[in-house]
Amino acid sequence: MEIPVVERTVVISNPQGLHARPAEMFARLALRFDSEIEVIRESLRVDAKSILHVLTLGAGQGTKLVLHARGADANEALEALARLVDSDFATDETLSQESHG
């Protein structure tokens, strides 16, 4: 049986880019999935499950990243990661802080 491979392109909209906190959120979410997940920026390809690797992408606002996943839960993994990026790395905690700030 062939292992599913899925790709999806996302754009970083956060004005601070993919800095430490979003990179940590991204890697922590990627770790929940069994699939092999990589993030690609131009010719740089890194392990999505490593905070340090994700940070090496230097992805500022407007950067296009290609998410590449291989495994049984590849579709679910990329859907969850794309939702996180599309939400501008919002969490319940950050949303509640902004509404009270």
Protein backbone atom coordinates (compact mmCIF):
# COMPACT_ATOMS: atom_id res chain seq x y z
CA MET A 1 0.00 0.00 0.00
CA GLU A 2 1.28 3.43 -0.95
CA ILE A 3 1.88 5.99 1.81
CA PRO A 4 -0.23 9.13 1.26
CA VAL A 5 1.75 12.29 0.50
CA VAL A 6 0.07 15.68 0.88
CA GLU A 7 1.27 19.21 0.18
CA ARG A 8 -0.24 22.53 1.12
CA THR A 9 0.99 26.11 0.77
CA VAL A 10 0.48 28.62 3.58
CA VAL A 11 1.45 32.28 3.94
CA ILE A 12 2.72 33.74 7.21
CA SER A 13 0.50 36.73 8.04
CA ASN A 14 1.81 37.44 11.54
CA PRO A 15 3.58 40.86 11.49
CA GLN A 16 6.42 39.39 13.60
CA GLY A 17 6.72 36.38 11.31
CA LEU A 18 7.29 32.83 12.47
CA HIS A 19 9.20 33.81 15.63
CA ALA A 20 9.81 31.70 18.75
CA ARG A 21 6.30 31.41 20.18
CA PRO A 22 4.54 30.59 16.87
CA ALA A 23 7.36 28.19 15.94
CA GLU A 24 6.88 26.42 19.27
CA MET A 25 3.11 26.21 18.73
CA PHE A 26 3.64 24.90 15.18
CA ALA A 27 6.17 22.22 16.20
CA ARG A 28 4.10 21.14 19.22
CA LEU A 29 1.04 20.70 16.98
CA ALA A 30 3.08 18.78 14.37
CA LEU A 31 4.30 16.41 17.09
CA ARG A 32 0.71 15.25 17.69
CA PHE A 33 0.70 13.48 14.33
CA ASP A 34 2.42 10.26 13.28
CA SER A 35 3.13 11.47 9.75
CA GLU A 36 6.52 12.78 8.67
CA ILE A 37 5.99 16.53 8.23
CA GLU A 38 8.37 18.99 6.58
CA VAL A 39 8.22 22.71 5.97
CA ILE A 40 9.80 24.06 2.80
CA ARG A 41 10.87 27.64 2.11
CA GLU A 42 12.49 28.00 -1.28
CA SER A 43 15.35 25.45 -1.22
CA LEU A 44 15.33 24.97 2.57
CA ARG A 45 13.47 21.89 3.85
CA VAL A 46 13.14 21.32 7.61
CA ASP A 47 11.46 18.99 10.09
CA ALA A 48 8.17 20.59 11.21
CA LYS A 49 8.42 18.81 14.55
CA SER A 50 11.58 20.70 15.57
CA ILE A 51 11.20 24.22 16.95
CA LEU A 52 14.81 25.04 16.10
CA HIS A 53 14.43 23.78 12.54
CA VAL A 54 11.25 25.80 12.03
CA LEU A 55 13.01 28.92 13.35
CA THR A 56 15.85 28.45 10.83
CA LEU A 57 13.37 29.17 8.03
CA GLY A 58 13.47 32.86 8.96
CA ALA A 59 9.87 33.16 7.78
CA GLY A 60 8.78 36.78 8.03
CA GLN A 61 5.36 38.23 7.29
CA GLY A 62 4.26 37.35 3.76
CA THR A 63 6.56 34.32 3.45
CA LYS A 64 5.09 31.39 1.52
CA LEU A 65 5.80 28.00 3.05
CA VAL A 66 5.00 24.59 1.60
CA LEU A 67 3.89 21.99 4.12
CA HIS A 68 4.69 18.43 3.05
CA ALA A 69 3.40 15.41 4.95
CA ARG A 70 3.72 11.67 4.40
CA GLY A 71 1.78 9.16 6.44
CA ALA A 72 -1.61 7.84 7.45
CA ASP A 73 -2.71 11.10 9.10
CA ALA A 74 -1.05 13.45 6.59
CA ASN A 75 -4.29 15.17 5.55
CA GLU A 76 -5.35 15.81 9.14
CA ALA A 77 -1.87 17.07 10.05
CA LEU A 78 -1.70 19.61 7.24
CA GLU A 79 -5.28 20.74 7.84
CA ALA A 80 -4.51 21.42 11.52
CA LEU A 81 -1.20 23.17 10.77
CA ALA A 82 -2.74 25.31 8.02
CA ARG A 83 -5.57 26.33 10.40
CA LEU A 84 -2.97 27.37 12.97
CA VAL A 85 -1.09 29.51 10.42
CA ASP A 86 -4.34 30.95 9.01
CA SER A 87 -5.46 31.91 12.53
CA ASP A 88 -2.25 33.97 12.84
CA PHE A 89 -1.21 31.57 15.63
CA ALA A 90 -4.15 32.62 17.79
CA THR A 91 -4.91 30.63 20.90
CA ASP A 92 -7.73 30.99 23.37
CA GLU A 93 -5.19 32.57 25.72
CA THR A 94 -3.94 35.18 23.25
CA LEU A 95 -7.45 35.99 22.08
CA SER A 96 -8.61 36.60 25.65
CA GLN A 97 -5.53 38.77 26.35
CA GLU A 98 -6.23 40.91 23.28
CA SER A 99 -9.87 41.41 24.22
CA HIS A 100 -8.83 42.57 27.72
CA GLY A 101 -5.84 44.62 26.59
